[in-house]
PDB file of N, CA and C in Angstrom:
ATOM      1  N   MET A   1      90.498 104.061  80.872  1.00  0.00           N
ATOM      2  CA  MET A   1      91.643 103.276  81.238  1.00  0.00           C
ATOM      3  C   MET A   1      92.202 102.677  79.948  1.00  0.00           C
ATOM      4  N   PHE A   2      93.456 102.940  79.714  1.00  0.00           N
ATOM      5  CA  PHE A   2      94.123 102.443  78.511  1.00  0.00           C
ATOM      6  C   PHE A   2      95.363 101.671  78.945  1.00  0.00           C
ATOM      7  N   ILE A   3      95.416 100.381  78.620  1.00  0.00           N
ATOM      8  CA  ILE A   3      96.533  99.532  79.028  1.00  0.00           C
ATOM      9  C   ILE A   3      97.153  98.893  77.801  1.00  0.00           C
ATOM     10  N   LYS A   4      98.485  99.007  77.705  1.00  0.00           N
ATOM     11  CA  LYS A   4      99.229  98.360  76.621  1.00  0.00           C
ATOM     12  C   LYS A   4     100.361  97.550  77.219  1.00  0.00           C
ATOM     13  N   VAL A   5     100.685  96.429  76.611  1.00  0.00           N
ATOM     14  CA  VAL A   5     101.801  95.594  77.028  1.00  0.00           C
ATOM     15  C   VAL A   5     102.984  95.916  76.133  1.00  0.00           C
ATOM     16  N   LEU A   6     104.100  96.306  76.762  1.00  0.00           N
ATOM     17  CA  LEU A   6     105.325  96.655  76.044  1.00  0.00           C
ATOM     18  C   LEU A   6     105.095  97.702  74.961  1.00  0.00           C
ATOM     19  N   ASN A   7     104.062  98.504  75.148  1.00  0.00           N
ATOM     20  CA  ASN A   7     103.699  99.542  74.184  1.00  0.00           C
ATOM     21  C   ASN A   7     103.422  98.985  72.792  1.00  0.00           C
ATOM     22  N   LEU A   8     103.041  97.697  72.727  1.00  0.00           N
ATOM     23  CA  LEU A   8     102.774  97.038  71.450  1.00  0.00           C
ATOM     24  C   LEU A   8     101.334  96.556  71.330  1.00  0.00           C
ATOM     25  N   PHE A   9     100.817  95.927  72.385  1.00  0.00           N
ATOM     26  CA  PHE A   9      99.506  95.302  72.329  1.00  0.00           C
ATOM     27  C   PHE A   9      98.537  95.968  73.299  1.00  0.00           C
ATOM     28  N   THR A  10      97.390  96.356  72.794  1.00  0.00           N
ATOM     29  CA  THR A  10      96.363  96.950  73.641  1.00  0.00           C
ATOM     30  C   THR A  10      95.642  95.855  74.399  1.00  0.00           C
ATOM     31  N   VAL A  11      95.631  95.977  75.715  1.00  0.00           N
ATOM     32  CA  VAL A  11      94.961  95.004  76.572  1.00  0.00           C
ATOM     33  C   VAL A  11      93.569  95.495  76.955  1.00  0.00           C
ATOM     34  N   ALA A  12      93.456  96.786  77.254  1.00  0.00           N
ATOM     35  CA  ALA A  12      92.171  97.351  77.648  1.00  0.00           C
ATOM     36  C   ALA A  12      92.085  98.798  77.188  1.00  0.00           C
ATOM     37  N   ASP A  13      90.888  99.174  76.758  1.00  0.00           N
ATOM     38  CA  ASP A  13      90.626 100.551  76.359  1.00  0.00           C
ATOM     39  C   ASP A  13      89.183 100.874  76.763  1.00  0.00           C
ATOM     40  N   SER A  14      89.014 101.297  78.010  1.00  0.00           N
ATOM     41  CA  SER A  14      87.685 101.567  78.549  1.00  0.00           C
ATOM     42  C   SER A  14      87.492 103.066  78.692  1.00  0.00           C
ATOM     43  N   ARG A  15      86.330 103.540  78.273  1.00  0.00           N
ATOM     44  CA  ARG A  15      86.005 104.968  78.350  1.00  0.00           C
ATOM     45  C   ARG A  15      84.546 105.129  78.735  1.00  0.00           C
ATOM     46  N   GLY A  16      84.194 106.346  79.108  1.00  0.00           N
ATOM     47  CA  GLY A  16      82.796 106.641  79.376  1.00  0.00           C
ATOM     48  C   GLY A  16      82.568 107.185  80.765  1.00  0.00           C
ATOM     49  N   PRO A  17      81.319 107.524  81.058  1.00  0.00           N
ATOM     50  CA  PRO A  17      80.997 108.158  82.341  1.00  0.00           C
ATOM     51  C   PRO A  17      81.287 107.267  83.552  1.00  0.00           C
ATOM     52  N   GLU A  18      81.137 105.955  83.404  1.00  0.00           N
ATOM     53  CA  GLU A  18      81.422 105.057  84.525  1.00  0.00           C
ATOM     54  C   GLU A  18      82.908 105.084  84.867  1.00  0.00           C
ATOM     55  N   MET A  19      83.759 105.123  83.855  1.00  0.00           N
ATOM     56  CA  MET A  19      85.202 105.182  84.089  1.00  0.00           C
ATOM     57  C   MET A  19      85.602 106.536  84.668  1.00  0.00           C
ATOM     58  N   ASP A  20      84.951 107.607  84.211  1.00  0.00           N
ATOM     59  CA  ASP A  20      85.237 108.938  84.759  1.00  0.00           C
ATOM     60  C   ASP A  20      84.904 108.991  86.245  1.00  0.00           C
ATOM     61  N   ARG A  21      83.739 108.471  86.594  1.00  0.00           N
ATOM     62  CA  ARG A  21      83.313 108.460  88.003  1.00  0.00           C
ATOM     63  C   ARG A  21      84.227 107.564  88.833  1.00  0.00           C
ATOM     64  N   SER A  22      84.587 106.412  88.292  1.00  0.00           N
ATOM     65  CA  SER A  22      85.474 105.488  88.992  1.00  0.00           C
ATOM     66  C   SER A  22      86.830 106.131  89.269  1.00  0.00           C
ATOM     67  N   GLY A  23      87.356 106.842  88.293  1.00  0.00           N
ATOM     68  CA  GLY A  23      88.636 107.524  88.471  1.00  0.00           C
ATOM     69  C   GLY A  23      88.566 108.605  89.534  1.00  0.00           C
ATOM     70  N   LEU A  24      87.450 109.326  89.576  1.00  0.00           N
ATOM     71  CA  LEU A  24      87.276 110.382  90.564  1.00  0.00           C
ATOM     72  C   LEU A  24      87.163 109.805  91.973  1.00  0.00           C
ATOM     73  N   VAL A  25      86.456 108.695  92.126  1.00  0.00           N
ATOM     74  CA  VAL A  25      86.346 108.034  93.427  1.00  0.00           C
ATOM     75  C   VAL A  25      87.705 107.499  93.857  1.00  0.00           C
ATOM     76  N   THR A  26      88.462 106.908  92.924  1.00  0.00           N
ATOM     77  CA  THR A  26      89.798 106.406  93.242  1.00  0.00           C
ATOM     78  C   THR A  26      90.698 107.545  93.698  1.00  0.00           C
ATOM     79  N   PHE A  27      90.638 108.679  93.010  1.00  0.00           N
ATOM     80  CA  PHE A  27      91.428 109.838  93.400  1.00  0.00           C
ATOM     81  C   PHE A  27      91.063 110.289  94.813  1.00  0.00           C
ATOM     82  N   LEU A  28      89.772 110.352  95.103  1.00  0.00           N
ATOM     83  CA  LEU A  28      89.323 110.768  96.427  1.00  0.00           C
ATOM     84  C   LEU A  28      89.831 109.799  97.492  1.00  0.00           C
ATOM     85  N   ASN A  29      89.775 108.505  97.221  1.00  0.00           N
ATOM     86  CA  ASN A  29      90.284 107.513  98.169  1.00  0.00           C
ATOM     87  C   ASN A  29      91.787 107.660  98.370  1.00  0.00           C
ATOM     88  N   ASP A  30      92.519 107.950  97.309  1.00  0.00           N
ATOM     89  CA  ASP A  30      93.971 108.098  97.412  1.00  0.00           C
ATOM     90  C   ASP A  30      94.374 109.331  98.214  1.00  0.00           C
ATOM     91  N   LEU A  31      93.475 110.285  98.378  1.00  0.00           N
ATOM     92  CA  LEU A  31      93.782 111.462  99.184  1.00  0.00           C
ATOM     93  C   LEU A  31      94.020 111.104 100.647  1.00  0.00           C
ATOM     94  N   LEU A  32      93.569 109.933 101.076  1.00  0.00           N
ATOM     95  CA  LEU A  32      93.817 109.505 102.454  1.00  0.00           C
ATOM     96  C   LEU A  32      95.309 109.354 102.730  1.00  0.00           C
ATOM     97  N   VAL A  33      96.084 109.054 101.702  1.00  0.00           N
ATOM     98  CA  VAL A  33      97.526 108.886 101.853  1.00  0.00           C
ATOM     99  C   VAL A  33      98.204 110.240 102.079  1.00  0.00           C
ATOM    100  N   CYS A  34      97.640 111.284 101.487  1.00  0.00           N
ATOM    101  CA  CYS A  34      98.227 112.620 101.590  1.00  0.00           C
ATOM    102  C   CYS A  34      97.130 113.631 101.935  1.00  0.00           C
ATOM    103  N   PRO A  35      96.758 113.720 103.211  1.00  0.00           N
ATOM    104  CA  PRO A  35      95.646 114.597 103.594  1.00  0.00           C
ATOM    105  C   PRO A  35      95.835 116.068 103.232  1.00  0.00           C
ATOM    106  N   LEU A  36      97.062 116.540 103.152  1.00  0.00           N
ATOM    107  CA  LEU A  36      97.278 117.937 102.787  1.00  0.00           C
ATOM    108  C   LEU A  36      96.798 118.234 101.372  1.00  0.00           C
ATOM    109  N   ALA A  37      96.673 117.224 100.545  1.00  0.00           N
ATOM    110  CA  ALA A  37      96.206 117.422  99.172  1.00  0.00           C
ATOM    111  C   ALA A  37      94.745 117.869  99.126  1.00  0.00           C
ATOM    112  N   TYR A  38      93.988 117.642 100.206  1.00  0.00           N
ATOM    113  CA  TYR A  38      92.597 118.099 100.234  1.00  0.00           C
ATOM    114  C   TYR A  38      92.492 119.602  99.997  1.00  0.00           C
ATOM    115  N   PHE A  39      93.547 120.335 100.361  1.00  0.00           N
ATOM    116  CA  PHE A  39      93.514 121.782 100.202  1.00  0.00           C
ATOM    117  C   PHE A  39      93.771 122.223  98.767  1.00  0.00           C
ATOM    118  N   SER A  40      94.189 121.301  97.902  1.00  0.00           N
ATOM    119  CA  SER A  40      94.494 121.666  96.517  1.00  0.00           C
ATOM    120  C   SER A  40      93.465 121.138  95.521  1.00  0.00           C
ATOM    121  N   VAL A  41      92.412 120.495  95.997  1.00  0.00           N
ATOM    122  CA  VAL A  41      91.381 119.957  95.100  1.00  0.00           C
ATOM    123  C   VAL A  41      90.049 120.628  95.409  1.00  0.00           C
ATOM    124  N   PRO A  42      89.129 120.622  94.445  1.00  0.00           N
ATOM    125  CA  PRO A  42      87.816 121.253  94.672  1.00  0.00           C
ATOM    126  C   PRO A  42      86.879 120.385  95.509  1.00  0.00           C
ATOM    127  N   ALA A  43      87.262 120.148  96.742  1.00  0.00           N
ATOM    128  CA  ALA A  43      86.440 119.337  97.645  1.00  0.00           C
ATOM    129  C   ALA A  43      85.581 120.260  98.504  1.00  0.00           C
ATOM    130  N   SER A  44      84.378 119.817  98.791  1.00  0.00           N
ATOM    131  CA  SER A  44      83.457 120.591  99.625  1.00  0.00           C
ATOM    132  C   SER A  44      83.164 119.814 100.900  1.00  0.00           C
ATOM    133  N   TRP A  45      83.515 120.407 102.017  1.00  0.00           N
ATOM    134  CA  TRP A  45      83.215 119.818 103.313  1.00  0.00           C
ATOM    135  C   TRP A  45      81.942 120.459 103.852  1.00  0.00           C
ATOM    136  N   ARG A  46      81.147 119.655 104.542  1.00  0.00           N
ATOM    137  CA  ARG A  46      79.914 120.158 105.119  1.00  0.00           C
ATOM    138  C   ARG A  46      79.707 119.488 106.477  1.00  0.00           C
ATOM    139  N   GLN A  47      79.450 120.265 107.492  1.00  0.00           N
ATOM    140  CA  GLN A  47      79.205 119.707 108.814  1.00  0.00           C
ATOM    141  C   GLN A  47      77.807 119.110 108.849  1.00  0.00           C
ATOM    142  N   LEU A  48      77.714 117.838 109.242  1.00  0.00           N
ATOM    143  CA  LEU A  48      76.421 117.162 109.328  1.00  0.00           C
ATOM    144  C   LEU A  48      75.839 117.276 110.730  1.00  0.00           C
ATOM    145  N   ASP A  49      76.676 117.111 111.719  1.00  0.00           N
ATOM    146  CA  ASP A  49      76.287 117.323 113.108  1.00  0.00           C
ATOM    147  C   ASP A  49      77.565 117.578 113.905  1.00  0.00           C
ATOM    148  N   GLU A  50      77.499 117.446 115.220  1.00  0.00           N
ATOM    149  CA  GLU A  50      78.662 117.761 116.046  1.00  0.00           C
ATOM    150  C   GLU A  50      79.841 116.819 115.827  1.00  0.00           C
ATOM    151  N   ARG A  51      79.586 115.599 115.347  1.00  0.00           N
ATOM    152  CA  ARG A  51      80.643 114.603 115.237  1.00  0.00           C
ATOM    153  C   ARG A  51      80.907 114.128 113.810  1.00  0.00           C
ATOM    154  N   ARG A  52      80.122 114.558 112.843  1.00  0.00           N
ATOM    155  CA  ARG A  52      80.270 114.049 111.482  1.00  0.00           C
ATOM    156  C   ARG A  52      80.359 115.186 110.474  1.00  0.00           C
ATOM    157  N   ALA A  53      81.054 114.881 109.375  1.00  0.00           N
ATOM    158  CA  ALA A  53      81.155 115.835 108.269  1.00  0.00           C
ATOM    159  C   ALA A  53      80.971 115.073 106.964  1.00  0.00           C
ATOM    160  N   GLY A  54      80.476 115.752 105.960  1.00  0.00           N
ATOM    161  CA  GLY A  54      80.306 115.166 104.638  1.00  0.00           C
ATOM    162  C   GLY A  54      81.329 115.770 103.688  1.00  0.00           C
ATOM    163  N   LEU A  55      81.695 115.017 102.675  1.00  0.00           N
ATOM    164  CA  LEU A  55      82.670 115.469 101.700  1.00  0.00           C
ATOM    165  C   LEU A  55      82.160 115.137 100.315  1.00  0.00           C
ATOM    166  N   SER A  56      82.275 116.084  99.394  1.00  0.00           N
ATOM    167  CA  SER A  56      81.963 115.795  97.996  1.00  0.00           C
ATOM    168  C   SER A  56      83.070 116.390  97.145  1.00  0.00           C
ATOM    169  N   LEU A  57      83.337 115.745  96.033  1.00  0.00           N
ATOM    170  CA  LEU A  57      84.387 116.167  95.114  1.00  0.00           C
ATOM    171  C   LEU A  57      83.776 116.265  93.732  1.00  0.00           C
ATOM    172  N   SER A  58      83.974 117.396  93.073  1.00  0.00           N
ATOM    173  CA  SER A  58      83.419 117.621  91.741  1.00  0.00           C
ATOM    174  C   SER A  58      84.533 117.911  90.757  1.00  0.00           C
ATOM    175  N   HIS A  59      84.377 117.377  89.546  1.00  0.00           N
ATOM    176  CA  HIS A  59      85.315 117.647  88.461  1.00  0.00           C
ATOM    177  C   HIS A  59      84.606 117.370  87.142  1.00  0.00           C
ATOM    178  N   ALA A  60      84.719 118.284  86.208  1.00  0.00           N
ATOM    179  CA  ALA A  60      84.160 118.136  84.857  1.00  0.00           C
ATOM    180  C   ALA A  60      82.674 117.772  84.885  1.00  0.00           C
ATOM    181  N   GLY A  61      81.926 118.389  85.784  1.00  0.00           N
ATOM    182  CA  GLY A  61      80.492 118.163  85.831  1.00  0.00           C
ATOM    183  C   GLY A  61      80.062 116.902  86.556  1.00  0.00           C
ATOM    184  N   ARG A  62      80.996 116.171  87.132  1.00  0.00           N
ATOM    185  CA  ARG A  62      80.661 114.965  87.882  1.00  0.00           C
ATOM    186  C   ARG A  62      80.968 115.202  89.356  1.00  0.00           C
ATOM    187  N   THR A  63      80.117 114.684  90.221  1.00  0.00           N
ATOM    188  CA  THR A  63      80.309 114.810  91.665  1.00  0.00           C
ATOM    189  C   THR A  63      80.235 113.430  92.282  1.00  0.00           C
ATOM    190  N   VAL A  64      81.151 113.162  93.203  1.00  0.00           N
ATOM    191  CA  VAL A  64      81.131 111.885  93.918  1.00  0.00           C
ATOM    192  C   VAL A  64      80.987 112.161  95.402  1.00  0.00           C
ATOM    193  N   LEU A  65      80.395 111.218  96.087  1.00  0.00           N
ATOM    194  CA  LEU A  65      80.168 111.259  97.526  1.00  0.00           C
ATOM    195  C   LEU A  65      79.283 112.410  97.944  1.00  0.00           C
ATOM    196  N   ASN A  66      78.157 112.533  97.290  1.00  0.00           N
ATOM    197  CA  ASN A  66      77.141 113.488  97.732  1.00  0.00           C
ATOM    198  C   ASN A  66      76.471 112.924  98.972  1.00  0.00           C
ATOM    199  N   ILE A  67      76.342 113.745  99.988  1.00  0.00           N
ATOM    200  CA  ILE A  67      75.718 113.324 101.241  1.00  0.00           C
ATOM    201  C   ILE A  67      74.580 114.290 101.546  1.00  0.00           C
ATOM    202  N   ASP A  68      73.406 113.747 101.861  1.00  0.00           N
ATOM    203  CA  ASP A  68      72.279 114.618 102.159  1.00  0.00           C
ATOM    204  C   ASP A  68      72.371 115.163 103.587  1.00  0.00           C
ATOM    205  N   ALA A  69      71.412 115.985 103.959  1.00  0.00           N
ATOM    206  CA  ALA A  69      71.443 116.655 105.272  1.00  0.00           C
ATOM    207  C   ALA A  69      71.354 115.667 106.429  1.00  0.00           C
ATOM    208  N   ARG A  70      70.827 114.470 106.186  1.00  0.00           N
ATOM    209  CA  ARG A  70      70.722 113.468 107.254  1.00  0.00           C
ATOM    210  C   ARG A  70      71.935 112.555 107.298  1.00  0.00           C
ATOM    211  N   GLY A  71      72.930 112.808 106.425  1.00  0.00           N
ATOM    212  CA  GLY A  71      74.161 112.025 106.450  1.00  0.00           C
ATOM    213  C   GLY A  71      74.122 110.759 105.613  1.00  0.00           C
ATOM    214  N   ARG A  72      73.112 110.622 104.767  1.00  0.00           N
ATOM    215  CA  ARG A  72      73.015 109.440 103.914  1.00  0.00           C
ATOM    216  C   ARG A  72      73.769 109.660 102.615  1.00  0.00           C
ATOM    217  N   LEU A  73      74.482 108.636 102.164  1.00  0.00           N
ATOM    218  CA  LEU A  73      75.224 108.685 100.922  1.00  0.00           C
ATOM    219  C   LEU A  73      74.255 108.656  99.743  1.00  0.00           C
ATOM    220  N   LEU A  74      74.351 109.632  98.838  1.00  0.00           N
ATOM    221  CA  LEU A  74      73.455 109.711  97.692  1.00  0.00           C
ATOM    222  C   LEU A  74      74.060 109.063  96.459  1.00  0.00           C
ATOM    223  N   ASP A  75      75.342 109.215  96.241  1.00  0.00           N
ATOM    224  CA  ASP A  75      76.018 108.661  95.065  1.00  0.00           C
ATOM    225  C   ASP A  75      77.136 107.738  95.490  1.00  0.00           C
TER     226      ASP A  75
END
């Protein structure tokens, strides 16, 4: 995350794996606004049982929302 005020002063410059994961989770959450976008991203759906499904999203070697076979959130 890189923030500048009036393109003159740097307010924040955060980098690293935590920011990468945070950005990926934010992107996944924002997909709720446009559900058709799920078809254009590398998301993996998995049926957990008759009423539930799991979703994971991977990018650049990072995966968010891993769900095990019992439906528990791993990440």
